[in-house]
């Protein structure tokens, strides 16, 4: 205990509320503040992370769509957000499936939401089931120590069916202004780079560079093989580095998405079980088996 305070909210806090107005009406939110990081969890959407702030400064990308509970076409709904979890049925664009799958649109059941001297902990449950079909359960735990520079998402996927089940996962982590700005660098131990499109191929030399926004610019996307399961965005203008580290053994693929479009200015750092398009492949999970995934997002100030 700290004798200088009598209410722990002076150090950190966790608040649950439901939005009552505008396009966000009806969304259930858990607002977490560990004294250094503030992150908003969208209970209505897989308990994904809507925004992340470091010392009051936003580091995440939020699209012009904003956040909504409505089920509308993807391009009119995609909010970006700090973390948008894709899967378990599909990632990318595949015929017969919603773009980036259906998991993000699954409401979470909150099992625990606590803030105390040991830190902030939120535990949630998501189910992906079908009559005469799959019975997948995703157990999600989001935690951050008091005053810590990072937040960790740990997911355990369990196959509760009596037959083998297919799955895929992609953690769409979206960095935006002011963390993302002209002159920022993407830093990673890139061993191999496969451009997704001809435009990406043409701009492969600028893989790690962030330029200025350009009206109507075409996005670029790369399938990367990383020597270390870790990638950062470094911005010397604001003196900060955002680092995504992850469980490379269960998320063996990594995708970089870069949009330098004016107004849709973002970089996606995306650990995944699979790549996209004709490189897509499911993983399988035996009856009763489980598999663990871990994502850590850290924001640090650069040495002066």
C-alpha atoms as a PDB file:
ATOM      1  CA  UNK A   1       0.000   0.000   0.000  1.00  0.00           C
ATOM      2  CA  UNK A   2       1.055   3.568  -0.699  1.00  0.00           C
ATOM      3  CA  UNK A   3       0.364   5.861   2.259  1.00  0.00           C
ATOM      4  CA  UNK A   4       0.199   8.855  -0.073  1.00  0.00           C
ATOM      5  CA  UNK A   5      -3.120   7.710  -1.580  1.00  0.00           C
ATOM      6  CA  UNK A   6      -6.345   6.221  -0.228  1.00  0.00           C
ATOM      7  CA  UNK A   7      -8.016   5.441  -3.553  1.00  0.00           C
ATOM      8  CA  UNK A   8      -6.223   3.235  -6.066  1.00  0.00           C
ATOM      9  CA  UNK A   9      -7.809   5.177  -8.971  1.00  0.00           C
ATOM     10  CA  UNK A  10      -5.063   7.748  -8.409  1.00  0.00           C
ATOM     11  CA  UNK A  11      -2.634   5.113  -9.768  1.00  0.00           C
ATOM     12  CA  UNK A  12      -4.694   3.071 -12.227  1.00  0.00           C
ATOM     13  CA  UNK A  13      -8.282   2.318 -13.134  1.00  0.00           C
ATOM     14  CA  UNK A  14     -10.686   0.045 -14.959  1.00  0.00           C
ATOM     15  CA  UNK A  15     -14.122   1.282 -15.971  1.00  0.00           C
ATOM     16  CA  UNK A  16     -16.920  -0.523 -17.848  1.00  0.00           C
ATOM     17  CA  UNK A  17     -19.575   1.352 -19.796  1.00  0.00           C
ATOM     18  CA  UNK A  18     -21.956   1.157 -22.748  1.00  0.00           C
ATOM     19  CA  UNK A  19     -21.885   3.896 -25.406  1.00  0.00           C
ATOM     20  CA  UNK A  20     -25.263   5.607 -25.815  1.00  0.00           C
ATOM     21  CA  UNK A  21     -24.921   7.838 -28.886  1.00  0.00           C
ATOM     22  CA  UNK A  22     -23.973   7.913 -32.562  1.00  0.00           C
ATOM     23  CA  UNK A  23     -22.570   5.059 -34.597  1.00  0.00           C
ATOM     24  CA  UNK A  24     -20.960   3.579 -31.484  1.00  0.00           C
ATOM     25  CA  UNK A  25     -24.308   3.243 -29.707  1.00  0.00           C
ATOM     26  CA  UNK A  26     -24.631  -0.079 -27.924  1.00  0.00           C
ATOM     27  CA  UNK A  27     -20.928  -0.953 -27.782  1.00  0.00           C
ATOM     28  CA  UNK A  28     -19.769  -2.352 -24.436  1.00  0.00           C
ATOM     29  CA  UNK A  29     -16.335  -0.992 -23.503  1.00  0.00           C
ATOM     30  CA  UNK A  30     -13.739  -1.727 -20.823  1.00  0.00           C
ATOM     31  CA  UNK A  31     -11.554   1.362 -20.362  1.00  0.00           C
ATOM     32  CA  UNK A  32      -8.197   0.430 -18.787  1.00  0.00           C
ATOM     33  CA  UNK A  33      -5.532   2.859 -17.544  1.00  0.00           C
ATOM     34  CA  UNK A  34      -2.375   1.517 -15.876  1.00  0.00           C
ATOM     35  CA  UNK A  35      -0.933   4.970 -15.190  1.00  0.00           C
ATOM     36  CA  UNK A  36       1.145   4.996 -18.374  1.00  0.00           C
ATOM     37  CA  UNK A  37      -0.884   3.105 -20.969  1.00  0.00           C
ATOM     38  CA  UNK A  38      -4.594   3.511 -21.560  1.00  0.00           C
ATOM     39  CA  UNK A  39      -6.328   0.904 -23.705  1.00  0.00           C
ATOM     40  CA  UNK A  40      -9.972   0.530 -24.654  1.00  0.00           C
ATOM     41  CA  UNK A  41     -11.335  -3.007 -25.039  1.00  0.00           C
ATOM     42  CA  UNK A  42     -14.371  -3.589 -27.249  1.00  0.00           C
ATOM     43  CA  UNK A  43     -16.386  -6.295 -25.480  1.00  0.00           C
ATOM     44  CA  UNK A  44     -18.963  -6.255 -28.297  1.00  0.00           C
ATOM     45  CA  UNK A  45     -16.214  -7.060 -30.825  1.00  0.00           C
ATOM     46  CA  UNK A  46     -14.125  -9.991 -29.529  1.00  0.00           C
ATOM     47  CA  UNK A  47     -12.665  -7.892 -26.690  1.00  0.00           C
ATOM     48  CA  UNK A  48     -10.320  -6.442 -29.311  1.00  0.00           C
ATOM     49  CA  UNK A  49      -8.366  -3.280 -28.527  1.00  0.00           C
ATOM     50  CA  UNK A  50     -10.004  -0.162 -29.956  1.00  0.00           C
ATOM     51  CA  UNK A  51      -7.278   2.325 -29.081  1.00  0.00           C
ATOM     52  CA  UNK A  52      -4.000   2.487 -27.217  1.00  0.00           C
ATOM     53  CA  UNK A  53      -2.554   5.653 -25.674  1.00  0.00           C
ATOM     54  CA  UNK A  54       0.946   6.108 -24.257  1.00  0.00           C
ATOM     55  CA  UNK A  55       1.158   8.942 -21.716  1.00  0.00           C
ATOM     56  CA  UNK A  56      -2.035  10.366 -23.210  1.00  0.00           C
ATOM     57  CA  UNK A  57      -0.829  10.207 -26.822  1.00  0.00           C
ATOM     58  CA  UNK A  58      -2.625   7.977 -29.314  1.00  0.00           C
ATOM     59  CA  UNK A  59      -0.522   5.374 -31.137  1.00  0.00           C
ATOM     60  CA  UNK A  60      -3.283   3.450 -32.944  1.00  0.00           C
ATOM     61  CA  UNK A  61      -5.047   3.865 -36.292  1.00  0.00           C
ATOM     62  CA  UNK A  62      -8.784   4.596 -36.298  1.00  0.00           C
ATOM     63  CA  UNK A  63     -10.405   4.773 -39.725  1.00  0.00           C
ATOM     64  CA  UNK A  64     -12.955   7.344 -40.819  1.00  0.00           C
ATOM     65  CA  UNK A  65     -15.632   4.684 -40.194  1.00  0.00           C
ATOM     66  CA  UNK A  66     -15.099   4.905 -36.454  1.00  0.00           C
ATOM     67  CA  UNK A  67     -16.542   2.128 -34.323  1.00  0.00           C
ATOM     68  CA  UNK A  68     -19.950   0.566 -34.776  1.00  0.00           C
ATOM     69  CA  UNK A  69     -21.992  -2.358 -33.532  1.00  0.00           C
ATOM     70  CA  UNK A  70     -23.872  -2.566 -36.837  1.00  0.00           C
ATOM     71  CA  UNK A  71     -23.315  -5.461 -39.232  1.00  0.00           C
ATOM     72  CA  UNK A  72     -22.597  -3.617 -42.483  1.00  0.00           C
ATOM     73  CA  UNK A  73     -20.132  -4.266 -45.367  1.00  0.00           C
ATOM     74  CA  UNK A  74     -16.484  -4.504 -44.302  1.00  0.00           C
ATOM     75  CA  UNK A  75     -15.162  -1.400 -46.076  1.00  0.00           C
ATOM     76  CA  UNK A  76     -17.904   0.711 -44.457  1.00  0.00           C
ATOM     77  CA  UNK A  77     -17.325  -0.922 -41.063  1.00  0.00           C
ATOM     78  CA  UNK A  78     -13.580  -1.613 -40.690  1.00  0.00           C
ATOM     79  CA  UNK A  79     -12.397   0.591 -37.868  1.00  0.00           C
ATOM     80  CA  UNK A  80      -8.776  -0.390 -37.770  1.00  0.00           C
ATOM     81  CA  UNK A  81      -8.235  -0.123 -34.060  1.00  0.00           C
ATOM     82  CA  UNK A  82      -5.084  -1.113 -32.196  1.00  0.00           C
ATOM     83  CA  UNK A  83      -5.963  -4.797 -32.462  1.00  0.00           C
ATOM     84  CA  UNK A  84      -8.467  -6.362 -34.876  1.00  0.00           C
ATOM     85  CA  UNK A  85      -8.409 -10.163 -34.588  1.00  0.00           C
ATOM     86  CA  UNK A  86      -9.061 -11.975 -37.880  1.00  0.00           C
ATOM     87  CA  UNK A  87     -10.214 -15.604 -38.193  1.00  0.00           C
ATOM     88  CA  UNK A  88     -11.115 -18.251 -37.172  1.00  0.00           C
ATOM     89  CA  UNK A  89     -12.883 -19.228 -40.390  1.00  0.00           C
ATOM     90  CA  UNK A  90     -10.889 -17.039 -42.799  1.00  0.00           C
ATOM     91  CA  UNK A  91      -8.330 -14.257 -43.159  1.00  0.00           C
ATOM     92  CA  UNK A  92      -7.929 -11.948 -46.121  1.00  0.00           C
ATOM     93  CA  UNK A  93     -10.531 -12.053 -48.865  1.00  0.00           C
ATOM     94  CA  UNK A  94     -11.790 -15.540 -49.755  1.00  0.00           C
ATOM     95  CA  UNK A  95     -14.938 -16.463 -51.638  1.00  0.00           C
ATOM     96  CA  UNK A  96     -17.748 -17.545 -49.351  1.00  0.00           C
ATOM     97  CA  UNK A  97     -16.324 -15.866 -46.251  1.00  0.00           C
ATOM     98  CA  UNK A  98     -16.539 -12.340 -44.817  1.00  0.00           C
ATOM     99  CA  UNK A  99     -13.399 -10.284 -45.373  1.00  0.00           C
ATOM    100  CA  UNK A 100     -10.916 -11.173 -42.606  1.00  0.00           C
ATOM    101  CA  UNK A 101     -13.338 -13.698 -41.130  1.00  0.00           C
ATOM    102  CA  UNK A 102     -16.063 -13.487 -38.517  1.00  0.00           C
ATOM    103  CA  UNK A 103     -14.206 -13.645 -35.189  1.00  0.00           C
ATOM    104  CA  UNK A 104     -13.923  -9.873 -34.663  1.00  0.00           C
ATOM    105  CA  UNK A 105     -17.703  -9.535 -34.830  1.00  0.00           C
ATOM    106  CA  UNK A 106     -18.219 -12.075 -32.038  1.00  0.00           C
ATOM    107  CA  UNK A 107     -19.297 -10.543 -28.703  1.00  0.00           C
ATOM    108  CA  UNK A 108     -17.087 -11.598 -25.799  1.00  0.00           C
ATOM    109  CA  UNK A 109     -18.218 -13.036 -22.487  1.00  0.00           C
ATOM    110  CA  UNK A 110     -16.226 -11.324 -19.739  1.00  0.00           C
ATOM    111  CA  UNK A 111     -15.104 -13.694 -17.008  1.00  0.00           C
ATOM    112  CA  UNK A 112     -12.870 -11.293 -15.066  1.00  0.00           C
ATOM    113  CA  UNK A 113     -12.102  -7.590 -15.158  1.00  0.00           C
ATOM    114  CA  UNK A 114      -9.891  -6.351 -12.321  1.00  0.00           C
ATOM    115  CA  UNK A 115      -7.507  -3.529 -11.531  1.00  0.00           C
ATOM    116  CA  UNK A 116      -5.313  -3.742  -8.442  1.00  0.00           C
ATOM    117  CA  UNK A 117      -1.768  -3.504  -7.187  1.00  0.00           C
ATOM    118  CA  UNK A 118      -0.770  -6.552  -9.246  1.00  0.00           C
ATOM    119  CA  UNK A 119      -2.023  -4.919 -12.438  1.00  0.00           C
ATOM    120  CA  UNK A 120      -4.952  -4.859 -14.831  1.00  0.00           C
ATOM    121  CA  UNK A 121      -6.369  -8.231 -15.922  1.00  0.00           C
ATOM    122  CA  UNK A 122      -9.300  -8.858 -18.265  1.00  0.00           C
ATOM    123  CA  UNK A 123     -10.316 -12.413 -19.156  1.00  0.00           C
ATOM    124  CA  UNK A 124     -12.878 -13.191 -21.834  1.00  0.00           C
ATOM    125  CA  UNK A 125     -14.420 -16.109 -23.715  1.00  0.00           C
ATOM    126  CA  UNK A 126     -15.408 -16.304 -27.389  1.00  0.00           C
ATOM    127  CA  UNK A 127     -17.155 -19.209 -29.107  1.00  0.00           C
ATOM    128  CA  UNK A 128     -17.140 -20.181 -32.786  1.00  0.00           C
ATOM    129  CA  UNK A 129     -19.654 -22.992 -33.205  1.00  0.00           C
ATOM    130  CA  UNK A 130     -21.995 -24.609 -35.734  1.00  0.00           C
ATOM    131  CA  UNK A 131     -24.754 -27.212 -35.478  1.00  0.00           C
ATOM    132  CA  UNK A 132     -23.281 -30.525 -36.649  1.00  0.00           C
ATOM    133  CA  UNK A 133     -19.961 -28.710 -37.008  1.00  0.00           C
ATOM    134  CA  UNK A 134     -17.163 -26.973 -35.145  1.00  0.00           C
ATOM    135  CA  UNK A 135     -16.990 -26.108 -31.462  1.00  0.00           C
ATOM    136  CA  UNK A 136     -14.014 -23.790 -31.001  1.00  0.00           C
ATOM    137  CA  UNK A 137     -13.518 -21.761 -27.824  1.00  0.00           C
ATOM    138  CA  UNK A 138     -11.055 -18.860 -27.617  1.00  0.00           C
ATOM    139  CA  UNK A 139      -9.981 -17.954 -24.075  1.00  0.00           C
ATOM    140  CA  UNK A 140      -8.510 -14.455 -24.057  1.00  0.00           C
ATOM    141  CA  UNK A 141      -6.453 -12.831 -21.286  1.00  0.00           C
ATOM    142  CA  UNK A 142      -5.314  -9.203 -21.541  1.00  0.00           C
ATOM    143  CA  UNK A 143      -2.936  -7.917 -18.876  1.00  0.00           C
ATOM    144  CA  UNK A 144      -0.763  -4.904 -18.076  1.00  0.00           C
ATOM    145  CA  UNK A 145       1.255  -4.180 -14.959  1.00  0.00           C
ATOM    146  CA  UNK A 146       0.749  -0.918 -13.091  1.00  0.00           C
ATOM    147  CA  UNK A 147       2.973   1.707 -14.711  1.00  0.00           C
ATOM    148  CA  UNK A 148       4.196  -0.786 -17.327  1.00  0.00           C
ATOM    149  CA  UNK A 149       5.070   0.166 -20.915  1.00  0.00           C
ATOM    150  CA  UNK A 150       3.370  -2.862 -22.470  1.00  0.00           C
ATOM    151  CA  UNK A 151       0.114  -4.786 -22.656  1.00  0.00           C
ATOM    152  CA  UNK A 152      -0.051  -8.523 -23.386  1.00  0.00           C
ATOM    153  CA  UNK A 153      -2.807 -10.492 -25.096  1.00  0.00           C
ATOM    154  CA  UNK A 154      -2.738 -14.252 -24.488  1.00  0.00           C
ATOM    155  CA  UNK A 155      -5.200 -16.432 -26.384  1.00  0.00           C
ATOM    156  CA  UNK A 156      -5.821 -20.140 -25.906  1.00  0.00           C
ATOM    157  CA  UNK A 157      -7.830 -21.826 -28.639  1.00  0.00           C
ATOM    158  CA  UNK A 158      -9.551 -25.054 -27.547  1.00  0.00           C
ATOM    159  CA  UNK A 159     -11.293 -27.579 -29.790  1.00  0.00           C
ATOM    160  CA  UNK A 160     -14.265 -28.773 -27.753  1.00  0.00           C
ATOM    161  CA  UNK A 161     -15.686 -30.769 -30.672  1.00  0.00           C
ATOM    162  CA  UNK A 162     -15.335 -34.544 -31.073  1.00  0.00           C
ATOM    163  CA  UNK A 163     -13.656 -34.233 -34.464  1.00  0.00           C
ATOM    164  CA  UNK A 164     -10.676 -32.374 -35.901  1.00  0.00           C
ATOM    165  CA  UNK A 165     -11.288 -28.661 -36.601  1.00  0.00           C
ATOM    166  CA  UNK A 166      -9.653 -26.192 -38.965  1.00  0.00           C
ATOM    167  CA  UNK A 167      -8.726 -22.667 -37.903  1.00  0.00           C
ATOM    168  CA  UNK A 168      -6.698 -19.626 -38.907  1.00  0.00           C
ATOM    169  CA  UNK A 169      -5.716 -16.470 -37.007  1.00  0.00           C
ATOM    170  CA  UNK A 170      -4.273 -13.103 -37.924  1.00  0.00           C
ATOM    171  CA  UNK A 171      -3.640 -10.321 -35.397  1.00  0.00           C
ATOM    172  CA  UNK A 172      -4.202  -7.089 -37.353  1.00  0.00           C
ATOM    173  CA  UNK A 173      -2.277  -4.519 -35.257  1.00  0.00           C
ATOM    174  CA  UNK A 174      -2.750  -1.030 -36.680  1.00  0.00           C
ATOM    175  CA  UNK A 175      -0.415   1.914 -36.026  1.00  0.00           C
ATOM    176  CA  UNK A 176      -1.579   5.451 -36.804  1.00  0.00           C
ATOM    177  CA  UNK A 177      -0.675   9.127 -36.422  1.00  0.00           C
ATOM    178  CA  UNK A 178       1.100  10.583 -34.483  1.00  0.00           C
ATOM    179  CA  UNK A 179       3.011   7.352 -33.805  1.00  0.00           C
ATOM    180  CA  UNK A 180       3.050   6.911 -37.580  1.00  0.00           C
ATOM    181  CA  UNK A 181       4.448   9.864 -39.498  1.00  0.00           C
ATOM    182  CA  UNK A 182       6.670  10.766 -42.427  1.00  0.00           C
ATOM    183  CA  UNK A 183      10.211   9.670 -41.665  1.00  0.00           C
ATOM    184  CA  UNK A 184       9.222   6.878 -39.279  1.00  0.00           C
ATOM    185  CA  UNK A 185      10.899   3.496 -39.797  1.00  0.00           C
ATOM    186  CA  UNK A 186       9.643  -0.075 -39.618  1.00  0.00           C
ATOM    187  CA  UNK A 187      12.341  -2.141 -37.934  1.00  0.00           C
ATOM    188  CA  UNK A 188      12.394  -5.936 -38.138  1.00  0.00           C
ATOM    189  CA  UNK A 189      14.821  -8.803 -38.746  1.00  0.00           C
ATOM    190  CA  UNK A 190      13.617  -9.478 -42.298  1.00  0.00           C
ATOM    191  CA  UNK A 191      15.114 -12.634 -43.816  1.00  0.00           C
ATOM    192  CA  UNK A 192      12.785 -12.848 -46.814  1.00  0.00           C
ATOM    193  CA  UNK A 193      10.211 -10.528 -48.395  1.00  0.00           C
ATOM    194  CA  UNK A 194       7.494 -11.561 -50.860  1.00  0.00           C
ATOM    195  CA  UNK A 195       5.439  -8.637 -52.225  1.00  0.00           C
ATOM    196  CA  UNK A 196       1.718  -9.364 -52.487  1.00  0.00           C
ATOM    197  CA  UNK A 197       0.990  -7.156 -55.527  1.00  0.00           C
ATOM    198  CA  UNK A 198       2.861  -5.662 -58.511  1.00  0.00           C
ATOM    199  CA  UNK A 199       2.660  -2.227 -56.841  1.00  0.00           C
ATOM    200  CA  UNK A 200       4.160  -3.704 -53.678  1.00  0.00           C
ATOM    201  CA  UNK A 201       6.939  -5.247 -55.769  1.00  0.00           C
ATOM    202  CA  UNK A 202       7.655  -1.880 -57.394  1.00  0.00           C
ATOM    203  CA  UNK A 203       7.974  -0.248 -53.957  1.00  0.00           C
ATOM    204  CA  UNK A 204       9.789  -3.059 -52.159  1.00  0.00           C
ATOM    205  CA  UNK A 205      12.904  -0.923 -51.634  1.00  0.00           C
ATOM    206  CA  UNK A 206      10.787   1.306 -49.356  1.00  0.00           C
ATOM    207  CA  UNK A 207       9.528  -1.674 -47.332  1.00  0.00           C
ATOM    208  CA  UNK A 208      10.749  -0.188 -44.044  1.00  0.00           C
ATOM    209  CA  UNK A 209      10.210   3.499 -44.839  1.00  0.00           C
ATOM    210  CA  UNK A 210       7.143   5.580 -44.012  1.00  0.00           C
ATOM    211  CA  UNK A 211       6.448   8.415 -46.413  1.00  0.00           C
ATOM    212  CA  UNK A 212       4.064  11.343 -46.413  1.00  0.00           C
ATOM    213  CA  UNK A 213       0.356  10.798 -47.109  1.00  0.00           C
ATOM    214  CA  UNK A 214      -0.562  10.774 -50.815  1.00  0.00           C
ATOM    215  CA  UNK A 215      -4.117  11.190 -52.182  1.00  0.00           C
ATOM    216  CA  UNK A 216      -5.438   7.969 -53.768  1.00  0.00           C
ATOM    217  CA  UNK A 217      -2.196   6.099 -53.151  1.00  0.00           C
ATOM    218  CA  UNK A 218      -2.328   2.326 -53.556  1.00  0.00           C
ATOM    219  CA  UNK A 219      -1.658   0.268 -50.447  1.00  0.00           C
ATOM    220  CA  UNK A 220       1.318  -2.089 -50.242  1.00  0.00           C
ATOM    221  CA  UNK A 221       1.459  -5.494 -48.592  1.00  0.00           C
ATOM    222  CA  UNK A 222       4.343  -7.892 -47.963  1.00  0.00           C
ATOM    223  CA  UNK A 223       4.692 -11.441 -46.669  1.00  0.00           C
ATOM    224  CA  UNK A 224       7.776 -11.394 -44.456  1.00  0.00           C
ATOM    225  CA  UNK A 225       9.946 -14.079 -42.945  1.00  0.00           C
ATOM    226  CA  UNK A 226      11.413 -12.693 -39.730  1.00  0.00           C
ATOM    227  CA  UNK A 227      14.458 -14.046 -37.934  1.00  0.00           C
ATOM    228  CA  UNK A 228      13.040 -12.815 -34.626  1.00  0.00           C
ATOM    229  CA  UNK A 229       9.278 -12.672 -33.900  1.00  0.00           C
ATOM    230  CA  UNK A 230       9.285  -8.941 -33.339  1.00  0.00           C
ATOM    231  CA  UNK A 231       8.671  -5.746 -35.342  1.00  0.00           C
ATOM    232  CA  UNK A 232       8.733  -2.063 -34.417  1.00  0.00           C
ATOM    233  CA  UNK A 233       7.686   1.339 -35.677  1.00  0.00           C
ATOM    234  CA  UNK A 234      10.277   3.933 -34.656  1.00  0.00           C
ATOM    235  CA  UNK A 235       9.381   7.624 -34.794  1.00  0.00           C
ATOM    236  CA  UNK A 236      12.170  10.012 -33.842  1.00  0.00           C
ATOM    237  CA  UNK A 237       9.883  13.036 -34.315  1.00  0.00           C
ATOM    238  CA  UNK A 238       7.966  12.155 -31.167  1.00  0.00           C
ATOM    239  CA  UNK A 239      10.780  10.092 -29.618  1.00  0.00           C
ATOM    240  CA  UNK A 240       8.857   6.827 -29.359  1.00  0.00           C
ATOM    241  CA  UNK A 241       9.050   3.227 -30.483  1.00  0.00           C
ATOM    242  CA  UNK A 242       6.113   0.832 -30.705  1.00  0.00           C
ATOM    243  CA  UNK A 243       7.115  -2.833 -30.669  1.00  0.00           C
ATOM    244  CA  UNK A 244       5.005  -5.886 -31.413  1.00  0.00           C
ATOM    245  CA  UNK A 245       6.465  -9.195 -30.218  1.00  0.00           C
ATOM    246  CA  UNK A 246       4.632 -12.486 -30.537  1.00  0.00           C
ATOM    247  CA  UNK A 247       4.733 -16.273 -30.215  1.00  0.00           C
ATOM    248  CA  UNK A 248       6.570 -17.184 -33.399  1.00  0.00           C
ATOM    249  CA  UNK A 249       6.117 -20.910 -32.897  1.00  0.00           C
ATOM    250  CA  UNK A 250       2.320 -20.658 -33.168  1.00  0.00           C
ATOM    251  CA  UNK A 251       2.241 -17.549 -35.378  1.00  0.00           C
ATOM    252  CA  UNK A 252       4.908 -18.447 -37.962  1.00  0.00           C
ATOM    253  CA  UNK A 253       3.807 -15.916 -40.621  1.00  0.00           C
ATOM    254  CA  UNK A 254       4.081 -12.134 -40.619  1.00  0.00           C
ATOM    255  CA  UNK A 255       2.412  -9.611 -42.917  1.00  0.00           C
ATOM    256  CA  UNK A 256       3.210  -5.923 -43.285  1.00  0.00           C
ATOM    257  CA  UNK A 257       0.386  -3.736 -44.587  1.00  0.00           C
ATOM    258  CA  UNK A 258       1.210  -0.117 -45.378  1.00  0.00           C
ATOM    259  CA  UNK A 259      -1.368   2.469 -46.402  1.00  0.00           C
ATOM    260  CA  UNK A 260       0.035   5.906 -47.206  1.00  0.00           C
ATOM    261  CA  UNK A 261      -3.326   7.120 -48.484  1.00  0.00           C
ATOM    262  CA  UNK A 262      -4.308  10.589 -47.296  1.00  0.00           C
ATOM    263  CA  UNK A 263      -6.888  10.125 -44.554  1.00  0.00           C
ATOM    264  CA  UNK A 264      -6.320   6.358 -44.371  1.00  0.00           C
ATOM    265  CA  UNK A 265      -2.732   6.600 -43.146  1.00  0.00           C
ATOM    266  CA  UNK A 266      -1.766   3.393 -41.365  1.00  0.00           C
ATOM    267  CA  UNK A 267       0.689   0.550 -40.980  1.00  0.00           C
ATOM    268  CA  UNK A 268      -0.443  -2.943 -40.056  1.00  0.00           C
ATOM    269  CA  UNK A 269       1.948  -5.293 -38.238  1.00  0.00           C
ATOM    270  CA  UNK A 270       0.258  -8.676 -38.534  1.00  0.00           C
ATOM    271  CA  UNK A 271       1.470 -11.931 -36.956  1.00  0.00           C
ATOM    272  CA  UNK A 272      -0.538 -14.827 -38.367  1.00  0.00           C
ATOM    273  CA  UNK A 273      -0.878 -18.569 -38.753  1.00  0.00           C
ATOM    274  CA  UNK A 274      -1.069 -18.211 -42.539  1.00  0.00           C
ATOM    275  CA  UNK A 275      -0.471 -15.859 -45.429  1.00  0.00           C
ATOM    276  CA  UNK A 276      -3.187 -14.624 -47.816  1.00  0.00           C
ATOM    277  CA  UNK A 277      -4.630 -15.306 -51.266  1.00  0.00           C
ATOM    278  CA  UNK A 278      -3.277 -18.479 -52.913  1.00  0.00           C
ATOM    279  CA  UNK A 279      -0.821 -18.806 -49.998  1.00  0.00           C
ATOM    280  CA  UNK A 280      -3.662 -19.331 -47.518  1.00  0.00           C
ATOM    281  CA  UNK A 281      -3.716 -22.547 -45.484  1.00  0.00           C
ATOM    282  CA  UNK A 282      -5.666 -23.732 -42.450  1.00  0.00           C
ATOM    283  CA  UNK A 283      -4.160 -25.196 -39.310  1.00  0.00           C
ATOM    284  CA  UNK A 284      -5.878 -28.153 -37.654  1.00  0.00           C
ATOM    285  CA  UNK A 285      -6.674 -28.899 -34.035  1.00  0.00           C
ATOM    286  CA  UNK A 286      -7.413 -32.378 -32.740  1.00  0.00           C
ATOM    287  CA  UNK A 287     -10.473 -33.081 -30.537  1.00  0.00           C
ATOM    288  CA  UNK A 288      -9.851 -31.764 -27.030  1.00  0.00           C
ATOM    289  CA  UNK A 289      -6.550 -30.152 -28.037  1.00  0.00           C
ATOM    290  CA  UNK A 290      -5.535 -26.531 -27.477  1.00  0.00           C
ATOM    291  CA  UNK A 291      -2.982 -24.083 -28.846  1.00  0.00           C
ATOM    292  CA  UNK A 292      -1.618 -20.877 -27.286  1.00  0.00           C
ATOM    293  CA  UNK A 293      -0.918 -17.513 -28.906  1.00  0.00           C
ATOM    294  CA  UNK A 294       0.719 -14.434 -27.393  1.00  0.00           C
ATOM    295  CA  UNK A 295       0.956 -10.817 -28.564  1.00  0.00           C
ATOM    296  CA  UNK A 296       2.791  -8.089 -26.660  1.00  0.00           C
ATOM    297  CA  UNK A 297       2.493  -4.419 -27.625  1.00  0.00           C
ATOM    298  CA  UNK A 298       5.042  -2.112 -25.993  1.00  0.00           C
ATOM    299  CA  UNK A 299       5.560   1.632 -26.339  1.00  0.00           C
ATOM    300  CA  UNK A 300       8.866   3.079 -25.186  1.00  0.00           C
ATOM    301  CA  UNK A 301      10.501   6.476 -25.304  1.00  0.00           C
ATOM    302  CA  UNK A 302      13.685   6.663 -27.333  1.00  0.00           C
ATOM    303  CA  UNK A 303      16.938   7.560 -25.537  1.00  0.00           C
ATOM    304  CA  UNK A 304      17.657  11.273 -25.655  1.00  0.00           C
END
